Amino acid sequence: MNTVYTSTTEDAVEVFLPENDSFVTNVPGFRFASIHISKRVPYPLVRVTYRTDREVGGKRLDLVKRVFIDHFEDKEMESAAQELAPKIVDYVSPSVMELLHESHESL
């Protein structure tokens, strides 16, 4: 089983994606870096941080539909992101389930 590195604050959990090639896209210089899971909404808001050679940004991810809700203007980046979305969901789902379990126990 892979080790998942996280950082937790009062408001969120951040899950860091491995630095290996697992979350690198077929677009040169474009990779996903981490996943921010908000604790402040009834259904966790999941935002995936990405990096390119020119920018760092984030896009919301729908865990049920396994697609990005926010889209890239660049068609090649959009295609690469949507292709990796299910793999990112698989990676982060245990952390989201743990967060939901903890919040349910605190009710």
PDB file of N, CA and C in Angstrom:
ATOM      1  N   MET A   1       0.845  -1.191   0.000  1.00  0.00           N
ATOM      2  CA  MET A   1       0.000   0.000   0.000  1.00  0.00           C
ATOM      3  C   MET A   1       0.878   1.238   0.000  1.00  0.00           C
ATOM      4  N   ASN A   2       0.462   2.256  -0.732  1.00  0.00           N
ATOM      5  CA  ASN A   2       1.230   3.491  -0.833  1.00  0.00           C
ATOM      6  C   ASN A   2       1.040   4.348   0.407  1.00  0.00           C
ATOM      7  N   THR A   3       2.091   5.052   0.791  1.00  0.00           N
ATOM      8  CA  THR A   3       1.997   6.007   1.878  1.00  0.00           C
ATOM      9  C   THR A   3       1.411   7.296   1.328  1.00  0.00           C
ATOM     10  N   VAL A   4       0.412   7.829   2.008  1.00  0.00           N
ATOM     11  CA  VAL A   4      -0.221   9.078   1.587  1.00  0.00           C
ATOM     12  C   VAL A   4       0.214  10.156   2.563  1.00  0.00           C
ATOM     13  N   TYR A   5       0.807  11.219   2.051  1.00  0.00           N
ATOM     14  CA  TYR A   5       1.260  12.326   2.889  1.00  0.00           C
ATOM     15  C   TYR A   5       0.194  13.404   2.902  1.00  0.00           C
ATOM     16  N   THR A   6      -0.142  13.849   4.108  1.00  0.00           N
ATOM     17  CA  THR A   6      -1.182  14.861   4.255  1.00  0.00           C
ATOM     18  C   THR A   6      -0.731  15.968   5.191  1.00  0.00           C
ATOM     19  N   SER A   7      -1.436  17.064   5.120  1.00  0.00           N
ATOM     20  CA  SER A   7      -1.288  18.188   6.035  1.00  0.00           C
ATOM     21  C   SER A   7      -2.701  18.570   6.460  1.00  0.00           C
ATOM     22  N   THR A   8      -2.936  18.661   7.771  1.00  0.00           N
ATOM     23  CA  THR A   8      -4.278  18.937   8.266  1.00  0.00           C
ATOM     24  C   THR A   8      -4.306  20.243   9.047  1.00  0.00           C
ATOM     25  N   THR A   9      -5.311  21.054   8.763  1.00  0.00           N
ATOM     26  CA  THR A   9      -5.570  22.273   9.522  1.00  0.00           C
ATOM     27  C   THR A   9      -7.006  22.193  10.036  1.00  0.00           C
ATOM     28  N   GLU A  10      -7.440  23.211  10.740  1.00  0.00           N
ATOM     29  CA  GLU A  10      -8.812  23.257  11.233  1.00  0.00           C
ATOM     30  C   GLU A  10      -9.817  23.265  10.088  1.00  0.00           C
ATOM     31  N   ASP A  11      -9.453  23.861   8.966  1.00  0.00           N
ATOM     32  CA  ASP A  11     -10.373  24.039   7.846  1.00  0.00           C
ATOM     33  C   ASP A  11     -10.267  23.009   6.734  1.00  0.00           C
ATOM     34  N   ALA A  12      -9.126  22.306   6.653  1.00  0.00           N
ATOM     35  CA  ALA A  12      -8.927  21.457   5.476  1.00  0.00           C
ATOM     36  C   ALA A  12      -7.894  20.365   5.715  1.00  0.00           C
ATOM     37  N   VAL A  13      -7.925  19.414   4.799  1.00  0.00           N
ATOM     38  CA  VAL A  13      -6.888  18.391   4.706  1.00  0.00           C
ATOM     39  C   VAL A  13      -6.290  18.542   3.324  1.00  0.00           C
ATOM     40  N   GLU A  14      -4.970  18.540   3.249  1.00  0.00           N
ATOM     41  CA  GLU A  14      -4.305  18.577   1.954  1.00  0.00           C
ATOM     42  C   GLU A  14      -3.580  17.254   1.761  1.00  0.00           C
ATOM     43  N   VAL A  15      -3.877  16.582   0.664  1.00  0.00           N
ATOM     44  CA  VAL A  15      -3.251  15.315   0.324  1.00  0.00           C
ATOM     45  C   VAL A  15      -2.250  15.601  -0.788  1.00  0.00           C
ATOM     46  N   PHE A  16      -0.991  15.256  -0.548  1.00  0.00           N
ATOM     47  CA  PHE A  16       0.058  15.513  -1.526  1.00  0.00           C
ATOM     48  C   PHE A  16       0.193  14.318  -2.457  1.00  0.00           C
ATOM     49  N   LEU A  17       0.169  14.588  -3.742  1.00  0.00           N
ATOM     50  CA  LEU A  17       0.328  13.531  -4.725  1.00  0.00           C
ATOM     51  C   LEU A  17       1.809  13.166  -4.825  1.00  0.00           C
ATOM     52  N   PRO A  18       2.112  11.912  -5.095  1.00  0.00           N
ATOM     53  CA  PRO A  18       3.515  11.496  -5.183  1.00  0.00           C
ATOM     54  C   PRO A  18       4.260  12.259  -6.276  1.00  0.00           C
ATOM     55  N   GLU A  19       5.546  12.464  -6.046  1.00  0.00           N
ATOM     56  CA  GLU A  19       6.374  13.198  -7.014  1.00  0.00           C
ATOM     57  C   GLU A  19       6.789  12.338  -8.201  1.00  0.00           C
ATOM     58  N   ASN A  20       6.442  11.053  -8.168  1.00  0.00           N
ATOM     59  CA  ASN A  20       6.799  10.202  -9.306  1.00  0.00           C
ATOM     60  C   ASN A  20       5.932  10.589 -10.504  1.00  0.00           C
ATOM     61  N   ASP A  21       5.946   9.788 -11.526  1.00  0.00           N
ATOM     62  CA  ASP A  21       5.222  10.128 -12.753  1.00  0.00           C
ATOM     63  C   ASP A  21       3.736   9.770 -12.726  1.00  0.00           C
ATOM     64  N   SER A  22       3.214   9.346 -11.576  1.00  0.00           N
ATOM     65  CA  SER A  22       1.824   8.885 -11.485  1.00  0.00           C
ATOM     66  C   SER A  22       0.800   9.937 -11.898  1.00  0.00           C
ATOM     67  N   PHE A  23       1.056  11.197 -11.587  1.00  0.00           N
ATOM     68  CA  PHE A  23       0.072  12.242 -11.851  1.00  0.00           C
ATOM     69  C   PHE A  23       0.604  13.306 -12.809  1.00  0.00           C
ATOM     70  N   VAL A  24       1.549  12.900 -13.647  1.00  0.00           N
ATOM     71  CA  VAL A  24       2.058  13.754 -14.710  1.00  0.00           C
ATOM     72  C   VAL A  24       1.205  13.484 -15.934  1.00  0.00           C
ATOM     73  N   THR A  25       0.846  14.530 -16.632  1.00  0.00           N
ATOM     74  CA  THR A  25       0.007  14.372 -17.822  1.00  0.00           C
ATOM     75  C   THR A  25       0.876  14.190 -19.059  1.00  0.00           C
ATOM     76  N   ASN A  26       0.220  13.953 -20.182  1.00  0.00           N
ATOM     77  CA  ASN A  26       0.936  13.847 -21.454  1.00  0.00           C
ATOM     78  C   ASN A  26       1.265  15.216 -22.039  1.00  0.00           C
ATOM     79  N   VAL A  27       0.883  16.289 -21.342  1.00  0.00           N
ATOM     80  CA  VAL A  27       1.200  17.653 -21.771  1.00  0.00           C
ATOM     81  C   VAL A  27       2.496  18.062 -21.072  1.00  0.00           C
ATOM     82  N   PRO A  28       3.546  18.385 -21.816  1.00  0.00           N
ATOM     83  CA  PRO A  28       4.831  18.718 -21.187  1.00  0.00           C
ATOM     84  C   PRO A  28       4.697  19.822 -20.124  1.00  0.00           C
ATOM     85  N   GLY A  29       5.266  19.558 -18.948  1.00  0.00           N
ATOM     86  CA  GLY A  29       5.295  20.550 -17.879  1.00  0.00           C
ATOM     87  C   GLY A  29       4.003  20.673 -17.088  1.00  0.00           C
ATOM     88  N   PHE A  30       3.008  19.844 -17.353  1.00  0.00           N
ATOM     89  CA  PHE A  30       1.699  19.929 -16.697  1.00  0.00           C
ATOM     90  C   PHE A  30       1.509  18.711 -15.807  1.00  0.00           C
ATOM     91  N   ARG A  31       1.402  18.955 -14.470  1.00  0.00           N
ATOM     92  CA  ARG A  31       1.186  17.849 -13.529  1.00  0.00           C
ATOM     93  C   ARG A  31       0.298  18.314 -12.392  1.00  0.00           C
ATOM     94  N   PHE A  32      -0.289  17.347 -11.710  1.00  0.00           N
ATOM     95  CA  PHE A  32      -1.096  17.621 -10.539  1.00  0.00           C
ATOM     96  C   PHE A  32      -0.232  17.437  -9.303  1.00  0.00           C
ATOM     97  N   ALA A  33      -0.389  18.323  -8.307  1.00  0.00           N
ATOM     98  CA  ALA A  33       0.513  18.351  -7.164  1.00  0.00           C
ATOM     99  C   ALA A  33      -0.131  17.922  -5.854  1.00  0.00           C
ATOM    100  N   SER A  34      -1.334  18.418  -5.568  1.00  0.00           N
ATOM    101  CA  SER A  34      -1.967  18.099  -4.292  1.00  0.00           C
ATOM    102  C   SER A  34      -3.480  18.254  -4.403  1.00  0.00           C
ATOM    103  N   ILE A  35      -4.154  17.760  -3.371  1.00  0.00           N
ATOM    104  CA  ILE A  35      -5.606  17.799  -3.331  1.00  0.00           C
ATOM    105  C   ILE A  35      -6.023  18.439  -2.018  1.00  0.00           C
ATOM    106  N   HIS A  36      -6.797  19.496  -2.108  1.00  0.00           N
ATOM    107  CA  HIS A  36      -7.272  20.249  -0.940  1.00  0.00           C
ATOM    108  C   HIS A  36      -8.712  19.816  -0.674  1.00  0.00           C
ATOM    109  N   ILE A  37      -8.985  19.302   0.533  1.00  0.00           N
ATOM    110  CA  ILE A  37     -10.327  18.855   0.897  1.00  0.00           C
ATOM    111  C   ILE A  37     -10.834  19.763   2.010  1.00  0.00           C
ATOM    112  N   SER A  38     -11.849  20.546   1.726  1.00  0.00           N
ATOM    113  CA  SER A  38     -12.413  21.475   2.694  1.00  0.00           C
ATOM    114  C   SER A  38     -13.227  20.729   3.739  1.00  0.00           C
ATOM    115  N   LYS A  39     -13.111  21.159   4.996  1.00  0.00           N
ATOM    116  CA  LYS A  39     -13.912  20.588   6.075  1.00  0.00           C
ATOM    117  C   LYS A  39     -15.142  21.439   6.369  1.00  0.00           C
ATOM    118  N   ARG A  40     -15.320  22.545   5.681  1.00  0.00           N
ATOM    119  CA  ARG A  40     -16.338  23.536   6.034  1.00  0.00           C
ATOM    120  C   ARG A  40     -17.682  23.353   5.350  1.00  0.00           C
ATOM    121  N   VAL A  41     -17.854  22.386   4.518  1.00  0.00           N
ATOM    122  CA  VAL A  41     -19.144  22.194   3.860  1.00  0.00           C
ATOM    123  C   VAL A  41     -19.663  20.794   4.179  1.00  0.00           C
ATOM    124  N   PRO A  42     -20.977  20.579   4.102  1.00  0.00           N
ATOM    125  CA  PRO A  42     -21.498  19.239   4.418  1.00  0.00           C
ATOM    126  C   PRO A  42     -20.905  18.151   3.526  1.00  0.00           C
ATOM    127  N   TYR A  43     -20.742  18.443   2.251  1.00  0.00           N
ATOM    128  CA  TYR A  43     -20.095  17.529   1.327  1.00  0.00           C
ATOM    129  C   TYR A  43     -18.716  18.119   1.039  1.00  0.00           C
ATOM    130  N   PRO A  44     -17.652  17.384   1.289  1.00  0.00           N
ATOM    131  CA  PRO A  44     -16.317  17.984   1.147  1.00  0.00           C
ATOM    132  C   PRO A  44     -16.060  18.552  -0.248  1.00  0.00           C
ATOM    133  N   LEU A  45     -15.591  19.779  -0.278  1.00  0.00           N
ATOM    134  CA  LEU A  45     -15.177  20.396  -1.530  1.00  0.00           C
ATOM    135  C   LEU A  45     -13.749  19.940  -1.805  1.00  0.00           C
ATOM    136  N   VAL A  46     -13.533  19.370  -2.970  1.00  0.00           N
ATOM    137  CA  VAL A  46     -12.219  18.854  -3.333  1.00  0.00           C
ATOM    138  C   VAL A  46     -11.670  19.691  -4.475  1.00  0.00           C
ATOM    139  N   ARG A  47     -10.489  20.263  -4.236  1.00  0.00           N
ATOM    140  CA  ARG A  47      -9.834  21.110  -5.233  1.00  0.00           C
ATOM    141  C   ARG A  47      -8.443  20.560  -5.475  1.00  0.00           C
ATOM    142  N   VAL A  48      -8.117  20.318  -6.727  1.00  0.00           N
ATOM    143  CA  VAL A  48      -6.838  19.729  -7.094  1.00  0.00           C
ATOM    144  C   VAL A  48      -5.909  20.826  -7.607  1.00  0.00           C
ATOM    145  N   THR A  49      -4.731  20.896  -7.005  1.00  0.00           N
ATOM    146  CA  THR A  49      -3.731  21.885  -7.422  1.00  0.00           C
ATOM    147  C   THR A  49      -2.910  21.316  -8.569  1.00  0.00           C
ATOM    148  N   TYR A  50      -2.688  22.155  -9.582  1.00  0.00           N
ATOM    149  CA  TYR A  50      -1.861  21.737 -10.713  1.00  0.00           C
ATOM    150  C   TYR A  50      -0.741  22.736 -10.924  1.00  0.00           C
ATOM    151  N   ARG A  51       0.280  22.287 -11.651  1.00  0.00           N
ATOM    152  CA  ARG A  51       1.410  23.153 -12.018  1.00  0.00           C
ATOM    153  C   ARG A  51       1.691  22.987 -13.498  1.00  0.00           C
ATOM    154  N   THR A  52       2.015  24.105 -14.113  1.00  0.00           N
ATOM    155  CA  THR A  52       2.541  24.074 -15.479  1.00  0.00           C
ATOM    156  C   THR A  52       3.841  24.870 -15.451  1.00  0.00           C
ATOM    157  N   ASP A  53       4.465  24.977 -16.582  1.00  0.00           N
ATOM    158  CA  ASP A  53       5.694  25.770 -16.660  1.00  0.00           C
ATOM    159  C   ASP A  53       5.421  27.254 -16.423  1.00  0.00           C
ATOM    160  N   ARG A  54       4.148  27.690 -16.600  1.00  0.00           N
ATOM    161  CA  ARG A  54       3.804  29.111 -16.501  1.00  0.00           C
ATOM    162  C   ARG A  54       2.952  29.484 -15.303  1.00  0.00           C
ATOM    163  N   GLU A  55       2.252  28.507 -14.685  1.00  0.00           N
ATOM    164  CA  GLU A  55       1.312  28.871 -13.633  1.00  0.00           C
ATOM    165  C   GLU A  55       1.077  27.734 -12.641  1.00  0.00           C
ATOM    166  N   VAL A  56       0.509  28.117 -11.513  1.00  0.00           N
ATOM    167  CA  VAL A  56       0.004  27.176 -10.519  1.00  0.00           C
ATOM    168  C   VAL A  56      -1.447  27.549 -10.305  1.00  0.00           C
ATOM    169  N   GLY A  57      -2.323  26.558 -10.276  1.00  0.00           N
ATOM    170  CA  GLY A  57      -3.743  26.839 -10.101  1.00  0.00           C
ATOM    171  C   GLY A  57      -4.451  25.658  -9.484  1.00  0.00           C
ATOM    172  N   GLY A  58      -5.764  25.735  -9.461  1.00  0.00           N
ATOM    173  CA  GLY A  58      -6.558  24.659  -8.901  1.00  0.00           C
ATOM    174  C   GLY A  58      -7.881  24.512  -9.620  1.00  0.00           C
ATOM    175  N   LYS A  59      -8.388  23.300  -9.631  1.00  0.00           N
ATOM    176  CA  LYS A  59      -9.670  22.990 -10.258  1.00  0.00           C
ATOM    177  C   LYS A  59     -10.471  22.098  -9.323  1.00  0.00           C
ATOM    178  N   ARG A  60     -11.795  22.332  -9.261  1.00  0.00           N
ATOM    179  CA  ARG A  60     -12.670  21.498  -8.429  1.00  0.00           C
ATOM    180  C   ARG A  60     -12.895  20.150  -9.107  1.00  0.00           C
ATOM    181  N   LEU A  61     -12.984  19.109  -8.255  1.00  0.00           N
ATOM    182  CA  LEU A  61     -13.140  17.744  -8.733  1.00  0.00           C
ATOM    183  C   LEU A  61     -14.419  17.150  -8.158  1.00  0.00           C
ATOM    184  N   ASP A  62     -15.256  16.574  -9.011  1.00  0.00           N
ATOM    185  CA  ASP A  62     -16.470  15.890  -8.578  1.00  0.00           C
ATOM    186  C   ASP A  62     -16.103  14.432  -8.325  1.00  0.00           C
ATOM    187  N   LEU A  63     -16.169  14.011  -7.046  1.00  0.00           N
ATOM    188  CA  LEU A  63     -15.762  12.658  -6.682  1.00  0.00           C
ATOM    189  C   LEU A  63     -16.744  11.595  -7.157  1.00  0.00           C
ATOM    190  N   VAL A  64     -18.005  11.954  -7.285  1.00  0.00           N
ATOM    191  CA  VAL A  64     -19.006  10.982  -7.712  1.00  0.00           C
ATOM    192  C   VAL A  64     -18.935  10.755  -9.225  1.00  0.00           C
ATOM    193  N   LYS A  65     -18.898  11.844  -9.963  1.00  0.00           N
ATOM    194  CA  LYS A  65     -18.836  11.732 -11.428  1.00  0.00           C
ATOM    195  C   LYS A  65     -17.431  11.445 -11.932  1.00  0.00           C
ATOM    196  N   ARG A  66     -16.414  11.670 -11.057  1.00  0.00           N
ATOM    197  CA  ARG A  66     -15.006  11.396 -11.375  1.00  0.00           C
ATOM    198  C   ARG A  66     -14.502  12.253 -12.539  1.00  0.00           C
ATOM    199  N   VAL A  67     -14.918  13.531 -12.521  1.00  0.00           N
ATOM    200  CA  VAL A  67     -14.502  14.502 -13.540  1.00  0.00           C
ATOM    201  C   VAL A  67     -14.208  15.833 -12.867  1.00  0.00           C
ATOM    202  N   PHE A  68     -13.449  16.670 -13.556  1.00  0.00           N
ATOM    203  CA  PHE A  68     -13.229  18.023 -13.077  1.00  0.00           C
ATOM    204  C   PHE A  68     -14.463  18.863 -13.398  1.00  0.00           C
ATOM    205  N   ILE A  69     -14.901  19.632 -12.415  1.00  0.00           N
ATOM    206  CA  ILE A  69     -16.047  20.529 -12.590  1.00  0.00           C
ATOM    207  C   ILE A  69     -15.595  21.784 -13.330  1.00  0.00           C
ATOM    208  N   ASP A  70     -14.416  22.272 -12.961  1.00  0.00           N
ATOM    209  CA  ASP A  70     -13.832  23.437 -13.634  1.00  0.00           C
ATOM    210  C   ASP A  70     -13.018  22.935 -14.823  1.00  0.00           C
ATOM    211  N   HIS A  71     -13.003  23.733 -15.866  1.00  0.00           N
ATOM    212  CA  HIS A  71     -12.358  23.286 -17.101  1.00  0.00           C
ATOM    213  C   HIS A  71     -11.190  24.185 -17.484  1.00  0.00           C
ATOM    214  N   PHE A  72     -10.287  23.623 -18.260  1.00  0.00           N
ATOM    215  CA  PHE A  72      -9.154  24.353 -18.814  1.00  0.00           C
ATOM    216  C   PHE A  72      -9.555  24.910 -20.170  1.00  0.00           C
ATOM    217  N   GLU A  73      -9.083  26.092 -20.490  1.00  0.00           N
ATOM    218  CA  GLU A  73      -9.350  26.675 -21.813  1.00  0.00           C
ATOM    219  C   GLU A  73      -8.600  25.909 -22.896  1.00  0.00           C
ATOM    220  N   ASP A  74      -7.388  25.484 -22.563  1.00  0.00           N
ATOM    221  CA  ASP A  74      -6.566  24.719 -23.496  1.00  0.00           C
ATOM    222  C   ASP A  74      -7.150  23.307 -23.636  1.00  0.00           C
ATOM    223  N   LYS A  75      -7.518  22.912 -24.847  1.00  0.00           N
ATOM    224  CA  LYS A  75      -8.169  21.621 -25.070  1.00  0.00           C
ATOM    225  C   LYS A  75      -7.270  20.438 -24.717  1.00  0.00           C
ATOM    226  N   GLU A  76      -5.990  20.557 -24.977  1.00  0.00           N
ATOM    227  CA  GLU A  76      -5.053  19.476 -24.660  1.00  0.00           C
ATOM    228  C   GLU A  76      -4.934  19.279 -23.141  1.00  0.00           C
ATOM    229  N   MET A  77      -4.872  20.383 -22.400  1.00  0.00           N
ATOM    230  CA  MET A  77      -4.820  20.299 -20.943  1.00  0.00           C
ATOM    231  C   MET A  77      -6.140  19.760 -20.393  1.00  0.00           C
ATOM    232  N   GLU A  78      -7.253  20.193 -20.951  1.00  0.00           N
ATOM    233  CA  GLU A  78      -8.566  19.702 -20.515  1.00  0.00           C
ATOM    234  C   GLU A  78      -8.666  18.191 -20.704  1.00  0.00           C
ATOM    235  N   SER A  79      -8.258  17.710 -21.855  1.00  0.00           N
ATOM    236  CA  SER A  79      -8.312  16.282 -22.138  1.00  0.00           C
ATOM    237  C   SER A  79      -7.417  15.501 -21.174  1.00  0.00           C
ATOM    238  N   ALA A  80      -6.220  16.005 -20.935  1.00  0.00           N
ATOM    239  CA  ALA A  80      -5.280  15.343 -20.029  1.00  0.00           C
ATOM    240  C   ALA A  80      -5.819  15.322 -18.598  1.00  0.00           C
ATOM    241  N   ALA A  81      -6.418  16.421 -18.176  1.00  0.00           N
ATOM    242  CA  ALA A  81      -6.978  16.513 -16.823  1.00  0.00           C
ATOM    243  C   ALA A  81      -8.133  15.536 -16.643  1.00  0.00           C
ATOM    244  N   GLN A  82      -9.049  15.510 -17.587  1.00  0.00           N
ATOM    245  CA  GLN A  82     -10.206  14.621 -17.460  1.00  0.00           C
ATOM    246  C   GLN A  82      -9.781  13.148 -17.522  1.00  0.00           C
ATOM    247  N   GLU A  83      -8.722  12.875 -18.268  1.00  0.00           N
ATOM    248  CA  GLU A  83      -8.206  11.503 -18.350  1.00  0.00           C
ATOM    249  C   GLU A  83      -7.645  11.045 -16.995  1.00  0.00           C
ATOM    250  N   LEU A  84      -6.999  11.950 -16.263  1.00  0.00           N
ATOM    251  CA  LEU A  84      -6.413  11.609 -14.965  1.00  0.00           C
ATOM    252  C   LEU A  84      -7.409  11.704 -13.807  1.00  0.00           C
ATOM    253  N   ALA A  85      -8.544  12.352 -14.004  1.00  0.00           N
ATOM    254  CA  ALA A  85      -9.499  12.576 -12.914  1.00  0.00           C
ATOM    255  C   ALA A  85      -9.883  11.298 -12.170  1.00  0.00           C
ATOM    256  N   PRO A  86     -10.238  10.205 -12.841  1.00  0.00           N
ATOM    257  CA  PRO A  86     -10.602   8.997 -12.093  1.00  0.00           C
ATOM    258  C   PRO A  86      -9.457   8.456 -11.231  1.00  0.00           C
ATOM    259  N   LYS A  87      -8.246   8.561 -11.717  1.00  0.00           N
ATOM    260  CA  LYS A  87      -7.076   8.100 -10.956  1.00  0.00           C
ATOM    261  C   LYS A  87      -6.870   8.964  -9.714  1.00  0.00           C
ATOM    262  N   ILE A  88      -7.092  10.261  -9.844  1.00  0.00           N
ATOM    263  CA  ILE A  88      -6.969  11.175  -8.702  1.00  0.00           C
ATOM    264  C   ILE A  88      -8.070  10.864  -7.682  1.00  0.00           C
ATOM    265  N   VAL A  89      -9.287  10.612  -8.157  1.00  0.00           N
ATOM    266  CA  VAL A  89     -10.387  10.256  -7.260  1.00  0.00           C
ATOM    267  C   VAL A  89     -10.033   8.985  -6.491  1.00  0.00           C
ATOM    268  N   ASP A  90      -9.525   7.983  -7.171  1.00  0.00           N
ATOM    269  CA  ASP A  90      -9.142   6.738  -6.500  1.00  0.00           C
ATOM    270  C   ASP A  90      -8.095   6.994  -5.421  1.00  0.00           C
ATOM    271  N   TYR A  91      -7.165   7.888  -5.690  1.00  0.00           N
ATOM    272  CA  TYR A  91      -6.091   8.177  -4.753  1.00  0.00           C
ATOM    273  C   TYR A  91      -6.595   8.920  -3.517  1.00  0.00           C
ATOM    274  N   VAL A  92      -7.496   9.865  -3.697  1.00  0.00           N
ATOM    275  CA  VAL A  92      -7.938  10.728  -2.591  1.00  0.00           C
ATOM    276  C   VAL A  92      -9.165  10.183  -1.848  1.00  0.00           C
ATOM    277  N   SER A  93      -9.892   9.271  -2.439  1.00  0.00           N
ATOM    278  CA  SER A  93     -11.126   8.773  -1.814  1.00  0.00           C
ATOM    279  C   SER A  93     -10.955   8.274  -0.385  1.00  0.00           C
ATOM    280  N   PRO A  94      -9.909   7.512  -0.048  1.00  0.00           N
ATOM    281  CA  PRO A  94      -9.760   7.089   1.346  1.00  0.00           C
ATOM    282  C   PRO A  94      -9.664   8.266   2.323  1.00  0.00           C
ATOM    283  N   SER A  95      -8.983   9.323   1.928  1.00  0.00           N
ATOM    284  CA  SER A  95      -8.871  10.506   2.797  1.00  0.00           C
ATOM    285  C   SER A  95     -10.214  11.203   2.952  1.00  0.00           C
ATOM    286  N   VAL A  96     -10.975  11.275   1.885  1.00  0.00           N
ATOM    287  CA  VAL A  96     -12.304  11.897   1.946  1.00  0.00           C
ATOM    288  C   VAL A  96     -13.225  11.060   2.827  1.00  0.00           C
ATOM    289  N   MET A  97     -13.187   9.744   2.665  1.00  0.00           N
ATOM    290  CA  MET A  97     -14.035   8.865   3.478  1.00  0.00           C
ATOM    291  C   MET A  97     -13.669   8.983   4.957  1.00  0.00           C
ATOM    292  N   GLU A  98     -12.398   9.077   5.258  1.00  0.00           N
ATOM    293  CA  GLU A  98     -11.960   9.250   6.643  1.00  0.00           C
ATOM    294  C   GLU A  98     -12.479  10.568   7.209  1.00  0.00           C
ATOM    295  N   LEU A  99     -12.400  11.628   6.426  1.00  0.00           N
ATOM    296  CA  LEU A  99     -12.906  12.930   6.851  1.00  0.00           C
ATOM    297  C   LEU A  99     -14.415  12.884   7.098  1.00  0.00           C
ATOM    298  N   LEU A 100     -15.154  12.233   6.206  1.00  0.00           N
ATOM    299  CA  LEU A 100     -16.603  12.108   6.386  1.00  0.00           C
ATOM    300  C   LEU A 100     -16.937  11.278   7.625  1.00  0.00           C
ATOM    301  N   HIS A 101     -16.178  10.222   7.856  1.00  0.00           N
ATOM    302  CA  HIS A 101     -16.394   9.393   9.033  1.00  0.00           C
ATOM    303  C   HIS A 101     -16.142  10.184  10.309  1.00  0.00           C
ATOM    304  N   GLU A 102     -15.065  10.955  10.343  1.00  0.00           N
ATOM    305  CA  GLU A 102     -14.741  11.778  11.512  1.00  0.00           C
ATOM    306  C   GLU A 102     -15.825  12.821  11.763  1.00  0.00           C
ATOM    307  N   SER A 103     -16.322  13.455  10.705  1.00  0.00           N
ATOM    308  CA  SER A 103     -17.347  14.477  10.885  1.00  0.00           C
ATOM    309  C   SER A 103     -18.670  13.859  11.335  1.00  0.00           C
ATOM    310  N   HIS A 104     -18.964  12.657  10.861  1.00  0.00           N
ATOM    311  CA  HIS A 104     -20.186  11.962  11.264  1.00  0.00           C
ATOM    312  C   HIS A 104     -20.113  11.552  12.734  1.00  0.00           C
ATOM    313  N   GLU A 105     -18.939  11.115  13.179  1.00  0.00           N
ATOM    314  CA  GLU A 105     -18.758  10.730  14.579  1.00  0.00           C
ATOM    315  C   GLU A 105     -18.892  11.903  15.530  1.00  0.00           C
ATOM    316  N   SER A 106     -18.545  13.103  15.061  1.00  0.00           N
ATOM    317  CA  SER A 106     -18.597  14.278  15.926  1.00  0.00           C
ATOM    318  C   SER A 106     -20.007  14.864  16.056  1.00  0.00           C
ATOM    319  N   LEU A 107     -20.961  14.339  15.302  1.00  0.00           N
ATOM    320  CA  LEU A 107     -22.351  14.836  15.385  1.00  0.00           C
ATOM    321  C   LEU A 107     -23.052  14.343  16.624  1.00  0.00           C
TER     322      LEU A 107
END
